Each structure stands twice: as structure tokens, then as C-alpha cells.
N, C-alpha and C. Protein backbone atom coordinates (compact mmCIF):
# COMPACT_ATOMS: atom_id res chain seq x y z
N MET A 1 -4.56 -1.27 -15.68
CA MET A 1 -5.73 -1.02 -16.31
C MET A 1 -6.56 0.20 -16.08
N TRP A 2 -6.41 0.87 -15.07
CA TRP A 2 -6.67 2.41 -14.73
C TRP A 2 -6.27 3.18 -15.66
N ALA A 3 -4.64 3.11 -16.01
CA ALA A 3 -4.42 3.75 -16.89
C ALA A 3 -5.07 3.95 -18.65
N LEU A 4 -5.32 2.70 -18.62
CA LEU A 4 -6.11 2.56 -20.15
C LEU A 4 -7.27 3.67 -19.93
N ASP A 5 -8.25 3.45 -18.94
CA ASP A 5 -9.31 4.17 -18.62
C ASP A 5 -8.89 5.81 -18.64
N VAL A 6 -7.66 6.38 -17.61
CA VAL A 6 -7.64 7.50 -17.72
C VAL A 6 -7.29 8.19 -19.12
N ALA A 7 -6.08 7.34 -19.62
CA ALA A 7 -6.18 7.73 -21.18
C ALA A 7 -7.35 7.94 -21.97
N ARG A 8 -8.06 6.74 -22.19
CA ARG A 8 -9.16 7.21 -22.61
C ARG A 8 -10.08 8.82 -22.52
N GLU A 9 -10.23 8.66 -21.12
CA GLU A 9 -10.79 9.75 -20.43
C GLU A 9 -10.15 11.48 -20.99
N LEU A 10 -8.72 10.99 -21.21
CA LEU A 10 -8.32 12.47 -21.51
C LEU A 10 -8.13 12.54 -23.21
N GLY A 11 -8.43 11.78 -23.65
CA GLY A 11 -8.97 12.05 -25.33
C GLY A 11 -7.66 11.17 -26.06
N CYS A 12 -6.96 10.63 -25.30
CA CYS A 12 -5.68 9.64 -25.92
C CYS A 12 -6.35 8.55 -26.85
N PRO A 13 -6.07 8.71 -28.20
CA PRO A 13 -6.32 7.62 -29.32
C PRO A 13 -5.95 6.11 -29.02
N GLU A 14 -6.90 5.61 -29.34
CA GLU A 14 -7.11 3.92 -29.00
C GLU A 14 -5.76 3.39 -29.11
N ASP A 15 -5.12 3.81 -30.21
CA ASP A 15 -3.85 3.08 -30.91
C ASP A 15 -2.66 3.49 -29.90
N ARG A 16 -2.71 4.58 -28.97
CA ARG A 16 -1.84 4.90 -28.45
C ARG A 16 -1.96 4.35 -26.64
N ARG A 17 -2.98 3.92 -26.37
CA ARG A 17 -3.42 3.65 -24.93
C ARG A 17 -2.61 2.52 -24.36
N HIS A 18 -2.33 1.63 -25.21
CA HIS A 18 -1.24 0.29 -24.93
C HIS A 18 -0.03 0.95 -24.69
N ASP A 19 0.27 1.99 -25.46
CA ASP A 19 1.39 2.58 -25.48
C ASP A 19 1.90 3.11 -23.62
N VAL A 20 0.97 3.79 -23.68
CA VAL A 20 0.49 4.42 -22.28
C VAL A 20 0.69 3.58 -21.31
N ASP A 21 -0.05 2.33 -21.36
CA ASP A 21 0.03 1.39 -20.11
C ASP A 21 1.28 0.12 -20.22
N LEU A 22 1.81 0.43 -21.30
CA LEU A 22 2.71 -0.46 -21.22
C LEU A 22 4.19 0.03 -20.62
N CYS A 23 4.36 1.46 -21.02
CA CYS A 23 5.37 2.26 -20.39
C CYS A 23 5.38 2.42 -18.87
N LEU A 24 3.89 2.72 -18.67
CA LEU A 24 3.51 2.80 -16.66
C LEU A 24 3.57 1.85 -16.41
N ALA A 25 3.55 0.50 -16.83
CA ALA A 25 3.69 -0.29 -15.85
C ALA A 25 4.82 -0.87 -16.00
N GLU A 26 5.71 -0.70 -16.81
CA GLU A 26 7.27 -0.78 -16.86
C GLU A 26 7.82 0.29 -15.85
N ALA A 27 7.60 1.07 -15.89
CA ALA A 27 8.14 2.48 -14.82
C ALA A 27 7.67 1.92 -13.33
N VAL A 28 6.70 1.74 -13.30
CA VAL A 28 6.27 1.53 -11.86
C VAL A 28 7.08 0.32 -10.95
N SER A 29 7.39 -0.79 -12.18
CA SER A 29 7.59 -2.27 -12.09
C SER A 29 8.99 -1.91 -11.70
N ASN A 30 9.83 -1.23 -12.27
CA ASN A 30 11.05 -0.60 -11.90
C ASN A 30 11.38 0.13 -10.77
N VAL A 31 10.30 0.77 -10.17
CA VAL A 31 10.38 1.73 -9.24
C VAL A 31 10.29 0.79 -8.03
N ILE A 32 9.67 -0.48 -8.07
CA ILE A 32 9.38 -1.16 -7.09
C ILE A 32 10.24 -2.21 -7.11
N ARG A 33 11.17 -2.44 -8.14
CA ARG A 33 12.06 -3.85 -8.25
C ARG A 33 13.19 -3.23 -7.86
N HIS A 34 13.91 -1.74 -8.56
CA HIS A 34 15.09 -1.23 -8.28
C HIS A 34 15.29 -0.29 -7.10
N GLY A 35 14.05 0.55 -6.77
CA GLY A 35 14.26 1.68 -5.76
C GLY A 35 13.83 1.20 -4.50
N TYR A 36 13.30 -0.01 -4.15
CA TYR A 36 13.08 -0.10 -2.70
C TYR A 36 14.47 -1.49 -2.18
N VAL A 37 14.92 -1.23 -1.01
CA VAL A 37 15.69 -2.16 -0.29
C VAL A 37 15.12 -2.55 0.90
N ASP A 38 14.24 -2.25 1.64
CA ASP A 38 13.42 -2.81 2.93
C ASP A 38 12.04 -3.05 2.43
N ASP A 39 11.43 -3.19 3.67
CA ASP A 39 9.97 -3.90 3.39
C ASP A 39 9.00 -2.79 4.05
N ALA A 40 9.28 -1.27 3.99
CA ALA A 40 8.58 -0.49 4.51
C ALA A 40 7.57 -0.16 3.55
N THR A 41 6.61 0.35 4.05
CA THR A 41 5.73 1.09 2.88
C THR A 41 6.26 2.08 2.19
N HIS A 42 6.12 2.03 0.90
CA HIS A 42 6.60 3.51 0.44
C HIS A 42 5.53 4.15 -0.86
N GLU A 43 5.86 5.58 -1.14
CA GLU A 43 4.54 5.81 -2.04
C GLU A 43 5.21 5.96 -3.29
N ILE A 44 4.39 6.12 -4.44
CA ILE A 44 4.67 6.37 -5.76
C ILE A 44 3.66 7.14 -6.51
N ARG A 45 4.00 8.14 -6.89
CA ARG A 45 2.92 9.14 -7.29
C ARG A 45 3.35 9.10 -8.75
N ILE A 46 2.04 8.89 -9.56
CA ILE A 46 1.71 9.23 -10.95
C ILE A 46 0.77 10.14 -10.96
N GLU A 47 1.27 11.01 -11.87
CA GLU A 47 0.20 12.65 -12.61
C GLU A 47 0.44 11.95 -13.82
N VAL A 48 -0.75 12.42 -14.40
CA VAL A 48 -1.29 12.47 -15.88
C VAL A 48 -1.61 13.57 -16.23
N ALA A 49 -1.19 14.19 -17.33
CA ALA A 49 -1.82 15.08 -17.60
C ALA A 49 -2.00 15.68 -19.22
N ARG A 50 -3.00 16.00 -19.40
CA ARG A 50 -3.45 16.53 -21.09
C ARG A 50 -2.59 17.65 -21.43
N GLU A 51 -1.85 17.66 -22.21
CA GLU A 51 -1.53 19.04 -23.04
C GLU A 51 -2.16 19.09 -24.31
N PRO A 52 -2.11 20.13 -25.06
CA PRO A 52 -2.94 20.23 -26.23
C PRO A 52 -2.82 19.05 -27.22
N GLU A 53 -1.51 19.00 -27.08
CA GLU A 53 -0.97 17.90 -28.38
C GLU A 53 -0.45 16.31 -27.76
N ALA A 54 -0.50 16.27 -26.51
CA ALA A 54 0.09 15.19 -25.73
C ALA A 54 -0.40 14.47 -24.54
N LEU A 55 -0.06 13.52 -24.06
CA LEU A 55 -0.69 12.79 -22.81
C LEU A 55 0.51 12.83 -22.09
N VAL A 56 0.76 13.45 -20.74
CA VAL A 56 2.01 13.39 -20.28
C VAL A 56 1.88 12.51 -19.05
N LEU A 57 2.63 11.72 -18.65
CA LEU A 57 2.81 10.58 -17.24
C LEU A 57 4.10 11.09 -16.79
N GLN A 58 4.06 11.02 -15.70
CA GLN A 58 5.22 11.65 -14.57
C GLN A 58 5.15 10.82 -13.37
N PRO A 59 5.83 9.22 -13.49
CA PRO A 59 5.93 8.44 -12.23
C PRO A 59 6.77 9.05 -11.20
N ARG A 60 6.74 9.07 -9.83
CA ARG A 60 7.79 9.84 -9.23
C ARG A 60 7.55 9.02 -7.74
N SER A 61 8.61 8.81 -7.53
CA SER A 61 9.27 7.72 -5.97
C SER A 61 10.01 8.91 -4.78
N LEU A 62 9.79 8.54 -3.72
CA LEU A 62 10.45 9.12 -2.99
C LEU A 62 11.90 8.63 -2.67
N ASP A 63 12.17 7.44 -3.03
CA ASP A 63 13.42 6.66 -2.61
C ASP A 63 14.32 6.93 -3.96
N GLU A 64 15.25 6.03 -3.84
CA GLU A 64 16.86 5.99 -4.63
C GLU A 64 16.50 5.15 -5.97
N ALA A 65 15.84 5.21 -6.69
CA ALA A 65 15.66 4.45 -7.77
C ALA A 65 16.73 5.00 -8.63
N LYS A 66 17.09 4.15 -9.51
CA LYS A 66 18.22 4.66 -10.56
C LYS A 66 17.83 3.72 -12.03
N PRO A 67 17.63 4.72 -12.83
CA PRO A 67 17.49 4.50 -14.06
C PRO A 67 18.57 3.58 -14.65
N ALA A 68 18.12 2.15 -15.38
CA ALA A 68 18.74 0.87 -15.39
C ALA A 68 18.41 -0.02 -16.31
N GLY A 69 18.96 -0.89 -17.38
CA GLY A 69 18.18 -1.72 -17.58
C GLY A 69 17.57 -1.54 -18.91
N ARG A 70 16.65 -2.79 -18.91
CA ARG A 70 15.81 -2.35 -20.64
C ARG A 70 14.52 -1.38 -20.37
N GLY A 71 14.02 -1.00 -19.57
CA GLY A 71 13.13 -0.10 -19.21
C GLY A 71 13.45 1.25 -20.10
N VAL A 72 14.66 1.72 -19.93
CA VAL A 72 14.79 3.20 -20.84
C VAL A 72 14.51 3.06 -22.14
N ALA A 73 15.41 1.63 -22.57
CA ALA A 73 15.00 1.28 -23.98
C ALA A 73 13.38 1.25 -24.45
N LEU A 74 13.03 0.76 -23.50
CA LEU A 74 11.46 0.61 -23.89
C LEU A 74 10.67 1.81 -24.00
N PHE A 75 11.14 3.13 -22.98
CA PHE A 75 10.29 4.17 -22.94
C PHE A 75 10.66 5.36 -24.07
N ARG A 76 11.86 4.68 -24.54
CA ARG A 76 12.53 5.66 -25.54
C ARG A 76 11.89 5.16 -26.92
N SER A 77 11.39 3.88 -27.13
CA SER A 77 11.22 2.97 -28.33
C SER A 77 9.29 3.49 -28.41
N VAL A 78 9.23 3.33 -27.44
CA VAL A 78 7.37 3.55 -27.56
C VAL A 78 6.87 4.99 -27.20
N ALA A 79 7.43 5.81 -26.17
CA ALA A 79 6.95 7.04 -26.07
C ALA A 79 7.66 7.86 -27.14
N ASP A 80 7.13 9.13 -27.32
CA ASP A 80 7.64 10.14 -27.95
C ASP A 80 8.53 10.94 -27.50
N SER A 81 8.69 10.84 -26.31
CA SER A 81 9.95 11.28 -25.42
C SER A 81 10.07 10.80 -23.80
N ALA A 82 11.19 10.73 -23.52
CA ALA A 82 11.21 9.94 -22.05
C ALA A 82 12.65 10.96 -21.38
N SER A 83 12.41 11.63 -20.09
CA SER A 83 13.09 12.09 -19.58
C SER A 83 13.10 11.90 -17.90
N TYR A 84 14.20 11.86 -17.56
CA TYR A 84 14.52 11.31 -16.27
C TYR A 84 15.17 12.60 -15.24
N GLU A 85 15.10 13.06 -14.22
CA GLU A 85 15.82 13.66 -13.40
C GLU A 85 15.36 13.60 -12.03
N ARG A 86 16.48 13.98 -11.14
CA ARG A 86 16.18 14.19 -9.71
C ARG A 86 16.24 15.53 -9.07
N ARG A 87 14.95 15.85 -8.77
CA ARG A 87 15.06 17.14 -8.15
C ARG A 87 14.29 17.09 -6.88
N GLU A 88 14.77 18.15 -5.87
CA GLU A 88 14.41 17.89 -4.38
C GLU A 88 14.23 16.77 -3.69
N GLY A 89 15.45 16.07 -3.87
CA GLY A 89 15.29 14.59 -3.25
C GLY A 89 14.35 13.71 -3.43
N ARG A 90 13.46 13.69 -4.92
CA ARG A 90 12.96 13.15 -5.55
C ARG A 90 13.45 12.52 -7.45
N ASN A 91 12.77 11.40 -7.45
CA ASN A 91 13.34 10.67 -8.71
C ASN A 91 11.84 11.34 -9.80
N ARG A 92 12.06 11.70 -10.95
CA ARG A 92 10.89 11.79 -11.66
C ARG A 92 10.97 11.52 -12.99
N LEU A 93 10.53 10.47 -13.80
CA LEU A 93 10.12 10.00 -14.91
C LEU A 93 8.80 10.96 -15.72
N THR A 94 9.41 11.26 -16.76
CA THR A 94 8.32 11.98 -17.66
C THR A 94 8.42 11.24 -18.85
N LEU A 95 7.33 10.98 -19.26
CA LEU A 95 6.78 10.50 -20.49
C LEU A 95 5.77 11.11 -20.93
N ARG A 96 6.04 11.34 -22.35
CA ARG A 96 5.27 12.33 -23.36
C ARG A 96 4.50 11.61 -24.52
N PHE A 97 3.65 11.16 -24.87
CA PHE A 97 2.94 10.38 -25.85
C PHE A 97 2.15 11.56 -26.69
N ALA A 98 2.52 11.77 -27.93
CA ALA A 98 1.84 12.89 -28.75
C ALA A 98 0.47 12.18 -29.24
N ILE A 99 -0.54 13.50 -29.05
CA ILE A 99 -1.75 12.92 -29.85
C ILE A 99 -2.47 13.91 -31.02
N ARG A 100 -2.64 13.52 -31.71
CA ARG A 100 -2.92 14.10 -32.92
C ARG A 100 -4.30 14.33 -33.07
N SER A 101 -4.77 15.64 -33.00
CA SER A 101 -6.15 15.77 -32.75
C SER A 101 -6.86 15.49 -33.92
């Protein structure tokens, strides 16, 4: 629910907030479900940024989450762009939602 509040505060139109919340929930769920094989405490970072014409989410995990399953299809169908990269030992999923001013 906090994602809806953050999206609203950053000027995301109401008709796109659900898309942001849906993709973020799926991304975090996938990291938890597929990225961790032990019971240790892990960190998932989520960065939300406003660009002039977009809201950008970057969920990042410190572990070995692998992109697979229906989440990628969901991200590509709902977000305006979705990309995944592994950099400096970390996974980074970037979701971009266009915002028309």
C-alpha cells in the first residue's frame, strides 16, 4: 500500500498507480520466493524516482534472484519498460511507468 502513497506523492496519475503497485508486489514476491534458499535475514532495496515524464522503480536484492516465470511477462505488459541486470554482485530490476503531465 505504501507504493500507492509514494506514487501519488511523486505525481503519478491515479490510473497508473495500480500498475506501479502490482509490478512492485510481483517483483518483491519473486525476489523472496526465488532469490533466497536459507532462513537468514536478507535485504531488498526499492528505489523510487520521479523523472520528468516517468516514475522509475528499482527493486534490488543482494542475493541470486533469477528472472523467470510470469513476472517478466507481467512487467512487460504493464510497465512501459522493464529491464534486468546484474551489476557489482547485485540484481537490479528497473521498471519505468510513463507519466504524461
